[in-house]
PDB file of N, CA and C in Angstrom:
ATOM      1  N   UNK A   1      84.893 -83.589-207.863  1.00  0.00           N
ATOM      2  CA  UNK A   1      84.162 -82.376-208.486  1.00  0.00           C
ATOM      3  C   UNK A   1      84.575 -81.305-207.752  1.00  0.00           C
ATOM      4  N   UNK A   2      84.127 -81.084-206.577  1.00  0.00           N
ATOM      5  CA  UNK A   2      84.377 -80.179-205.508  1.00  0.00           C
ATOM      6  C   UNK A   2      85.820 -79.241-205.510  1.00  0.00           C
ATOM      7  N   UNK A   3      86.551 -80.077-205.962  1.00  0.00           N
ATOM      8  CA  UNK A   3      87.934 -79.469-206.147  1.00  0.00           C
ATOM      9  C   UNK A   3      88.129 -78.881-207.468  1.00  0.00           C
ATOM     10  N   UNK A   4      87.507 -79.105-208.739  1.00  0.00           N
ATOM     11  CA  UNK A   4      87.404 -78.379-209.922  1.00  0.00           C
ATOM     12  C   UNK A   4      86.682 -77.161-209.851  1.00  0.00           C
ATOM     13  N   UNK A   5      85.401 -77.464-209.110  1.00  0.00           N
ATOM     14  CA  UNK A   5      84.709 -76.073-208.846  1.00  0.00           C
ATOM     15  C   UNK A   5      85.299 -75.131-208.113  1.00  0.00           C
ATOM     16  N   UNK A   6      86.181 -75.100-206.928  1.00  0.00           N
ATOM     17  CA  UNK A   6      86.883 -74.777-206.224  1.00  0.00           C
ATOM     18  C   UNK A   6      87.907 -73.695-206.823  1.00  0.00           C
ATOM     19  N   UNK A   7      88.858 -74.480-207.725  1.00  0.00           N
ATOM     20  CA  UNK A   7      89.269 -73.727-208.871  1.00  0.00           C
ATOM     21  C   UNK A   7      89.037 -73.088-209.953  1.00  0.00           C
ATOM     22  N   UNK A   8      87.765 -73.186-210.622  1.00  0.00           N
ATOM     23  CA  UNK A   8      87.193 -72.197-211.153  1.00  0.00           C
ATOM     24  C   UNK A   8      86.780 -70.969-210.301  1.00  0.00           C
ATOM     25  N   UNK A   9      86.128 -71.163-209.053  1.00  0.00           N
ATOM     26  CA  UNK A   9      85.582 -70.152-208.337  1.00  0.00           C
ATOM     27  C   UNK A   9      86.807 -69.411-207.922  1.00  0.00           C
ATOM     28  N   UNK A  10      88.207 -69.886-207.484  1.00  0.00           N
ATOM     29  CA  UNK A  10      89.354 -69.390-207.268  1.00  0.00           C
ATOM     30  C   UNK A  10      89.831 -68.129-208.596  1.00  0.00           C
ATOM     31  N   UNK A  11      89.577 -68.738-209.704  1.00  0.00           N
ATOM     32  CA  UNK A  11      89.927 -67.928-210.968  1.00  0.00           C
ATOM     33  C   UNK A  11      88.779 -66.969-211.319  1.00  0.00           C
ATOM     34  N   UNK A  12      87.462 -67.200-210.904  1.00  0.00           N
ATOM     35  CA  UNK A  12      86.710 -66.261-211.261  1.00  0.00           C
ATOM     36  C   UNK A  12      86.657 -65.181-210.148  1.00  0.00           C
ATOM     37  N   UNK A  13      86.936 -65.592-208.702  1.00  0.00           N
ATOM     38  CA  UNK A  13      87.095 -63.982-207.728  1.00  0.00           C
ATOM     39  C   UNK A  13      88.760 -63.324-208.420  1.00  0.00           C
ATOM     40  N   UNK A  14      89.796 -64.053-208.904  1.00  0.00           N
ATOM     41  CA  UNK A  14      90.545 -62.920-209.476  1.00  0.00           C
ATOM     42  C   UNK A  14      90.069 -62.360-210.643  1.00  0.00           C
ATOM     43  N   UNK A  15      89.260 -62.685-211.477  1.00  0.00           N
ATOM     44  CA  UNK A  15      88.722 -62.106-212.413  1.00  0.00           C
ATOM     45  C   UNK A  15      88.142 -61.119-212.289  1.00  0.00           C
ATOM     46  N   UNK A  16      87.141 -61.113-211.378  1.00  0.00           N
ATOM     47  CA  UNK A  16      86.650 -59.950-210.919  1.00  0.00           C
ATOM     48  C   UNK A  16      87.107 -59.191-209.715  1.00  0.00           C
ATOM     49  N   UNK A  17      88.436 -59.016-209.712  1.00  0.00           N
ATOM     50  CA  UNK A  17      89.100 -58.540-208.378  1.00  0.00           C
ATOM     51  C   UNK A  17      88.866 -57.246-208.214  1.00  0.00           C
ATOM     52  N   UNK A  18      88.758 -56.331-209.098  1.00  0.00           N
ATOM     53  CA  UNK A  18      88.609 -55.156-208.948  1.00  0.00           C
ATOM     54  C   UNK A  18      87.811 -54.260-208.661  1.00  0.00           C
ATOM     55  N   UNK A  19      86.501 -54.684-208.378  1.00  0.00           N
ATOM     56  CA  UNK A  19      85.340 -53.619-207.934  1.00  0.00           C
ATOM     57  C   UNK A  19      84.618 -54.479-206.672  1.00  0.00           C
ATOM     58  N   UNK A  20      84.114 -54.082-206.161  1.00  0.00           N
ATOM     59  CA  UNK A  20      82.732 -54.778-205.398  1.00  0.00           C
ATOM     60  C   UNK A  20      81.508 -55.061-206.333  1.00  0.00           C
ATOM     61  N   UNK A  21      81.274 -56.527-206.458  1.00  0.00           N
ATOM     62  CA  UNK A  21      80.435 -56.843-207.423  1.00  0.00           C
ATOM     63  C   UNK A  21      79.563 -58.394-206.786  1.00  0.00           C
ATOM     64  N   UNK A  22      78.721 -58.359-207.588  1.00  0.00           N
ATOM     65  CA  UNK A  22      77.849 -59.925-207.035  1.00  0.00           C
ATOM     66  C   UNK A  22      78.513 -61.014-207.029  1.00  0.00           C
ATOM     67  N   UNK A  23      79.996 -61.210-207.407  1.00  0.00           N
ATOM     68  CA  UNK A  23      80.780 -62.177-207.115  1.00  0.00           C
ATOM     69  C   UNK A  23      81.058 -62.356-205.372  1.00  0.00           C
ATOM     70  N   UNK A  24      81.707 -61.414-205.179  1.00  0.00           N
ATOM     71  CA  UNK A  24      82.155 -61.154-203.683  1.00  0.00           C
ATOM     72  C   UNK A  24      80.882 -60.930-202.734  1.00  0.00           C
ATOM     73  N   UNK A  25      79.807 -60.852-203.166  1.00  0.00           N
ATOM     74  CA  UNK A  25      78.585 -60.311-202.300  1.00  0.00           C
ATOM     75  C   UNK A  25      78.070 -62.110-202.187  1.00  0.00           C
ATOM     76  N   UNK A  26      78.249 -62.696-203.637  1.00  0.00           N
ATOM     77  CA  UNK A  26      78.026 -64.335-203.161  1.00  0.00           C
ATOM     78  C   UNK A  26      78.864 -65.205-202.479  1.00  0.00           C
ATOM     79  N   UNK A  27      80.200 -65.046-202.460  1.00  0.00           N
ATOM     80  CA  UNK A  27      81.274 -65.317-201.672  1.00  0.00           C
ATOM     81  C   UNK A  27      80.766 -65.115-200.202  1.00  0.00           C
ATOM     82  N   UNK A  28      80.671 -63.963-199.791  1.00  0.00           N
ATOM     83  CA  UNK A  28      80.262 -63.440-198.518  1.00  0.00           C
ATOM     84  C   UNK A  28      78.962 -64.244-198.037  1.00  0.00           C
ATOM     85  N   UNK A  29      77.735 -64.187-198.949  1.00  0.00           N
ATOM     86  CA  UNK A  29      76.638 -64.576-198.336  1.00  0.00           C
ATOM     87  C   UNK A  29      76.931 -66.464-198.099  1.00  0.00           C
ATOM     88  N   UNK A  30      77.665 -66.855-199.246  1.00  0.00           N
ATOM     89  CA  UNK A  30      77.781 -68.598-199.054  1.00  0.00           C
ATOM     90  C   UNK A  30      78.588 -68.798-197.828  1.00  0.00           C
ATOM     91  N   UNK A  31      79.711 -67.820-197.358  1.00  0.00           N
ATOM     92  CA  UNK A  31      80.120 -68.158-196.353  1.00  0.00           C
ATOM     93  C   UNK A  31      79.243 -68.393-195.079  1.00  0.00           C
ATOM     94  N   UNK A  32      78.490 -67.083-195.155  1.00  0.00           N
ATOM     95  CA  UNK A  32      77.601 -66.905-193.699  1.00  0.00           C
ATOM     96  C   UNK A  32      76.818 -68.314-194.064  1.00  0.00           C
ATOM     97  N   UNK A  33      75.847 -68.557-194.844  1.00  0.00           N
ATOM     98  CA  UNK A  33      74.964 -69.684-195.068  1.00  0.00           C
ATOM     99  C   UNK A  33      75.855 -70.653-194.454  1.00  0.00           C
ATOM    100  N   UNK A  34      76.824 -71.295-195.289  1.00  0.00           N
ATOM    101  CA  UNK A  34      77.739 -72.366-195.043  1.00  0.00           C
ATOM    102  C   UNK A  34      78.049 -72.250-193.378  1.00  0.00           C
ATOM    103  N   UNK A  35      78.640 -71.359-192.577  1.00  0.00           N
ATOM    104  CA  UNK A  35      78.792 -71.367-191.041  1.00  0.00           C
ATOM    105  C   UNK A  35      77.535 -71.873-190.572  1.00  0.00           C
ATOM    106  N   UNK A  36      76.721 -70.997-190.769  1.00  0.00           N
ATOM    107  CA  UNK A  36      75.051 -71.717-190.359  1.00  0.00           C
ATOM    108  C   UNK A  36      74.747 -73.019-190.321  1.00  0.00           C
ATOM    109  N   UNK A  37      74.927 -73.696-191.207  1.00  0.00           N
ATOM    110  CA  UNK A  37      74.563 -74.977-191.841  1.00  0.00           C
ATOM    111  C   UNK A  37      75.570 -75.806-191.198  1.00  0.00           C
ATOM    112  N   UNK A  38      76.784 -75.671-191.239  1.00  0.00           N
ATOM    113  CA  UNK A  38      77.787 -76.261-190.143  1.00  0.00           C
ATOM    114  C   UNK A  38      77.738 -76.144-188.959  1.00  0.00           C
ATOM    115  N   UNK A  39      77.292 -75.166-188.432  1.00  0.00           N
ATOM    116  CA  UNK A  39      77.148 -75.023-186.707  1.00  0.00           C
ATOM    117  C   UNK A  39      76.030 -75.673-186.612  1.00  0.00           C
ATOM    118  N   UNK A  40      74.490 -75.721-187.335  1.00  0.00           N
ATOM    119  CA  UNK A  40      73.544 -76.435-186.853  1.00  0.00           C
ATOM    120  C   UNK A  40      73.773 -77.630-187.029  1.00  0.00           C
ATOM    121  N   UNK A  41      74.699 -78.422-187.873  1.00  0.00           N
ATOM    122  CA  UNK A  41      75.255 -79.586-187.981  1.00  0.00           C
ATOM    123  C   UNK A  41      76.272 -79.965-186.723  1.00  0.00           C
ATOM    124  N   UNK A  42      76.816 -78.976-186.409  1.00  0.00           N
ATOM    125  CA  UNK A  42      77.630 -79.528-185.268  1.00  0.00           C
ATOM    126  C   UNK A  42      77.306 -79.352-183.711  1.00  0.00           C
ATOM    127  N   UNK A  43      75.941 -78.887-183.451  1.00  0.00           N
ATOM    128  CA  UNK A  43      75.176 -79.118-182.583  1.00  0.00           C
ATOM    129  C   UNK A  43      74.327 -80.543-182.853  1.00  0.00           C
ATOM    130  N   UNK A  44      74.171 -80.625-183.862  1.00  0.00           N
ATOM    131  CA  UNK A  44      73.576 -81.883-183.653  1.00  0.00           C
ATOM    132  C   UNK A  44      74.450 -83.046-183.499  1.00  0.00           C
ATOM    133  N   UNK A  45      75.730 -82.836-182.849  1.00  0.00           N
ATOM    134  CA  UNK A  45      76.682 -83.903-182.234  1.00  0.00           C
ATOM    135  C   UNK A  45      77.328 -84.263-183.773  1.00  0.00           C
ATOM    136  N   UNK A  46      77.340 -83.722-184.493  1.00  0.00           N
ATOM    137  CA  UNK A  46      78.424 -84.427-185.521  1.00  0.00           C
ATOM    138  C   UNK A  46      79.753 -83.992-186.027  1.00  0.00           C
ATOM    139  N   UNK A  47      79.715 -82.868-185.032  1.00  0.00           N
ATOM    140  CA  UNK A  47      81.376 -82.125-185.304  1.00  0.00           C
ATOM    141  C   UNK A  47      81.100 -81.132-186.719  1.00  0.00           C
ATOM    142  N   UNK A  48      81.781 -80.094-186.046  1.00  0.00           N
ATOM    143  CA  UNK A  48      81.615 -78.689-187.399  1.00  0.00           C
ATOM    144  C   UNK A  48      82.500 -79.226-188.562  1.00  0.00           C
ATOM    145  N   UNK A  49      81.790 -79.477-189.740  1.00  0.00           N
ATOM    146  CA  UNK A  49      82.323 -79.496-191.064  1.00  0.00           C
ATOM    147  C   UNK A  49      82.914 -78.140-191.923  1.00  0.00           C
ATOM    148  N   UNK A  50      83.958 -77.943-191.725  1.00  0.00           N
ATOM    149  CA  UNK A  50      84.780 -76.816-192.958  1.00  0.00           C
ATOM    150  C   UNK A  50      84.336 -77.055-194.153  1.00  0.00           C
ATOM    151  N   UNK A  51      84.166 -78.068-194.655  1.00  0.00           N
ATOM    152  CA  UNK A  51      83.878 -78.623-196.129  1.00  0.00           C
ATOM    153  C   UNK A  51      82.612 -77.890-196.259  1.00  0.00           C
ATOM    154  N   UNK A  52      81.471 -77.849-195.159  1.00  0.00           N
ATOM    155  CA  UNK A  52      80.177 -77.265-195.548  1.00  0.00           C
ATOM    156  C   UNK A  52      80.555 -76.334-195.832  1.00  0.00           C
ATOM    157  N   UNK A  53      80.992 -75.249-195.232  1.00  0.00           N
ATOM    158  CA  UNK A  53      81.600 -73.869-195.453  1.00  0.00           C
ATOM    159  C   UNK A  53      82.164 -73.419-196.640  1.00  0.00           C
ATOM    160  N   UNK A  54      82.909 -74.577-196.846  1.00  0.00           N
ATOM    161  CA  UNK A  54      83.798 -74.168-198.421  1.00  0.00           C
ATOM    162  C   UNK A  54      82.775 -74.508-199.422  1.00  0.00           C
ATOM    163  N   UNK A  55      81.725 -75.280-199.189  1.00  0.00           N
ATOM    164  CA  UNK A  55      80.790 -75.433-200.521  1.00  0.00           C
ATOM    165  C   UNK A  55      79.929 -74.473-200.806  1.00  0.00           C
ATOM    166  N   UNK A  56      79.381 -73.926-199.487  1.00  0.00           N
ATOM    167  CA  UNK A  56      78.757 -72.515-199.566  1.00  0.00           C
ATOM    168  C   UNK A  56      79.630 -71.269-200.290  1.00  0.00           C
ATOM    169  N   UNK A  57      80.955 -71.233-199.859  1.00  0.00           N
ATOM    170  CA  UNK A  57      81.733 -70.310-200.639  1.00  0.00           C
ATOM    171  C   UNK A  57      81.585 -70.709-202.080  1.00  0.00           C
ATOM    172  N   UNK A  58      81.666 -71.733-202.614  1.00  0.00           N
ATOM    173  CA  UNK A  58      81.972 -71.835-204.124  1.00  0.00           C
ATOM    174  C   UNK A  58      80.624 -71.934-204.701  1.00  0.00           C
ATOM    175  N   UNK A  59      79.836 -72.321-204.041  1.00  0.00           N
ATOM    176  CA  UNK A  59      77.965 -72.138-204.414  1.00  0.00           C
ATOM    177  C   UNK A  59      77.982 -70.584-204.534  1.00  0.00           C
ATOM    178  N   UNK A  60      78.295 -69.815-203.821  1.00  0.00           N
ATOM    179  CA  UNK A  60      78.081 -68.549-203.626  1.00  0.00           C
ATOM    180  C   UNK A  60      78.483 -67.599-204.610  1.00  0.00           C
ATOM    181  N   UNK A  61      79.814 -68.146-204.873  1.00  0.00           N
ATOM    182  CA  UNK A  61      80.886 -67.499-206.129  1.00  0.00           C
ATOM    183  C   UNK A  61      80.109 -67.880-207.553  1.00  0.00           C
ATOM    184  N   UNK A  62      79.560 -68.920-207.528  1.00  0.00           N
ATOM    185  CA  UNK A  62      79.297 -69.262-208.827  1.00  0.00           C
ATOM    186  C   UNK A  62      77.793 -68.560-209.341  1.00  0.00           C
ATOM    187  N   UNK A  63      77.085 -68.175-208.031  1.00  0.00           N
ATOM    188  CA  UNK A  63      75.704 -67.752-207.905  1.00  0.00           C
ATOM    189  C   UNK A  63      75.981 -66.332-208.529  1.00  0.00           C
ATOM    190  N   UNK A  64      77.041 -65.733-207.698  1.00  0.00           N
ATOM    191  CA  UNK A  64      77.138 -64.057-208.051  1.00  0.00           C
ATOM    192  C   UNK A  64      78.154 -64.008-209.614  1.00  0.00           C
ATOM    193  N   UNK A  65      78.601 -65.176-210.270  1.00  0.00           N
ATOM    194  CA  UNK A  65      79.044 -65.080-211.498  1.00  0.00           C
ATOM    195  C   UNK A  65      77.902 -64.779-212.067  1.00  0.00           C
ATOM    196  N   UNK A  66      76.940 -65.880-211.769  1.00  0.00           N
ATOM    197  CA  UNK A  66      75.471 -65.672-212.685  1.00  0.00           C
ATOM    198  C   UNK A  66      74.760 -64.543-212.699  1.00  0.00           C
ATOM    199  N   UNK A  67      74.947 -64.010-211.616  1.00  0.00           N
ATOM    200  CA  UNK A  67      74.180 -62.345-211.616  1.00  0.00           C
ATOM    201  C   UNK A  67      75.019 -61.667-212.259  1.00  0.00           C
ATOM    202  N   UNK A  68      76.133 -61.553-212.324  1.00  0.00           N
ATOM    203  CA  UNK A  68      76.985 -60.417-212.898  1.00  0.00           C
ATOM    204  C   UNK A  68      76.803 -60.873-214.553  1.00  0.00           C
ATOM    205  N   UNK A  69      76.744 -62.116-214.797  1.00  0.00           N
ATOM    206  CA  UNK A  69      76.708 -62.239-216.532  1.00  0.00           C
ATOM    207  C   UNK A  69      75.307 -61.964-216.975  1.00  0.00           C
ATOM    208  N   UNK A  70      74.150 -62.067-215.935  1.00  0.00           N
ATOM    209  CA  UNK A  70      72.835 -61.654-216.270  1.00  0.00           C
ATOM    210  C   UNK A  70      72.886 -60.190-216.024  1.00  0.00           C
ATOM    211  N   UNK A  71      73.636 -59.061-215.874  1.00  0.00           N
ATOM    212  CA  UNK A  71      73.818 -57.859-215.661  1.00  0.00           C
ATOM    213  C   UNK A  71      74.472 -57.728-216.828  1.00  0.00           C
ATOM    214  N   UNK A  72      75.404 -58.231-217.286  1.00  0.00           N
ATOM    215  CA  UNK A  72      76.417 -58.054-218.454  1.00  0.00           C
ATOM    216  C   UNK A  72      75.451 -57.959-219.482  1.00  0.00           C
ATOM    217  N   UNK A  73      74.618 -59.391-220.025  1.00  0.00           N
ATOM    218  CA  UNK A  73      73.685 -59.721-220.853  1.00  0.00           C
ATOM    219  C   UNK A  73      72.583 -58.393-220.862  1.00  0.00           C
ATOM    220  N   UNK A  74      72.111 -58.081-219.769  1.00  0.00           N
ATOM    221  CA  UNK A  74      70.722 -57.227-220.134  1.00  0.00           C
ATOM    222  C   UNK A  74      71.372 -55.746-220.095  1.00  0.00           C
ATOM    223  N   UNK A  75      72.581 -55.186-220.072  1.00  0.00           N
ATOM    224  CA  UNK A  75      72.664 -54.069-220.304  1.00  0.00           C
ATOM    225  C   UNK A  75      72.345 -53.261-221.884  1.00  0.00           C
ATOM    226  N   UNK A  76      71.855 -52.217-221.787  1.00  0.00           N
ATOM    227  CA  UNK A  76      71.199 -51.577-223.114  1.00  0.00           C
ATOM    228  C   UNK A  76      72.368 -51.668-224.080  1.00  0.00           C
ATOM    229  N   UNK A  77      72.281 -51.951-225.384  1.00  0.00           N
ATOM    230  CA  UNK A  77      73.428 -51.680-226.318  1.00  0.00           C
ATOM    231  C   UNK A  77      73.374 -50.545-226.987  1.00  0.00           C
ATOM    232  N   UNK A  78      72.677 -49.421-226.450  1.00  0.00           N
ATOM    233  CA  UNK A  78      73.044 -47.971-226.919  1.00  0.00           C
ATOM    234  C   UNK A  78      72.182 -47.892-228.010  1.00  0.00           C
ATOM    235  N   UNK A  79      71.351 -49.009-228.852  1.00  0.00           N
ATOM    236  CA  UNK A  79      70.401 -48.285-230.046  1.00  0.00           C
ATOM    237  C   UNK A  79      69.474 -47.992-229.267  1.00  0.00           C
ATOM    238  N   UNK A  80      68.511 -47.006-229.984  1.00  0.00           N
ATOM    239  CA  UNK A  80      67.116 -46.533-229.551  1.00  0.00           C
ATOM    240  C   UNK A  80      66.334 -47.288-230.423  1.00  0.00           C
TER     241      UNK A  80
END
């Protein structure tokens, strides 16, 4: 499941490549949160889990795409 979500996230990153947007912000935030969670887990004696960082990145990208889609849908249509 995570492999499929990673591929989808990679495709979405390519689609939203041109400008700064919520997708890239979600990726950044997801990596930061994943690093914090993996670091806490490592200090618990279980070792650092890079898979957790990857999961955070994937979730961040998907959340960013959701935010971008909400922005696209909520744009005014030009009719007054």
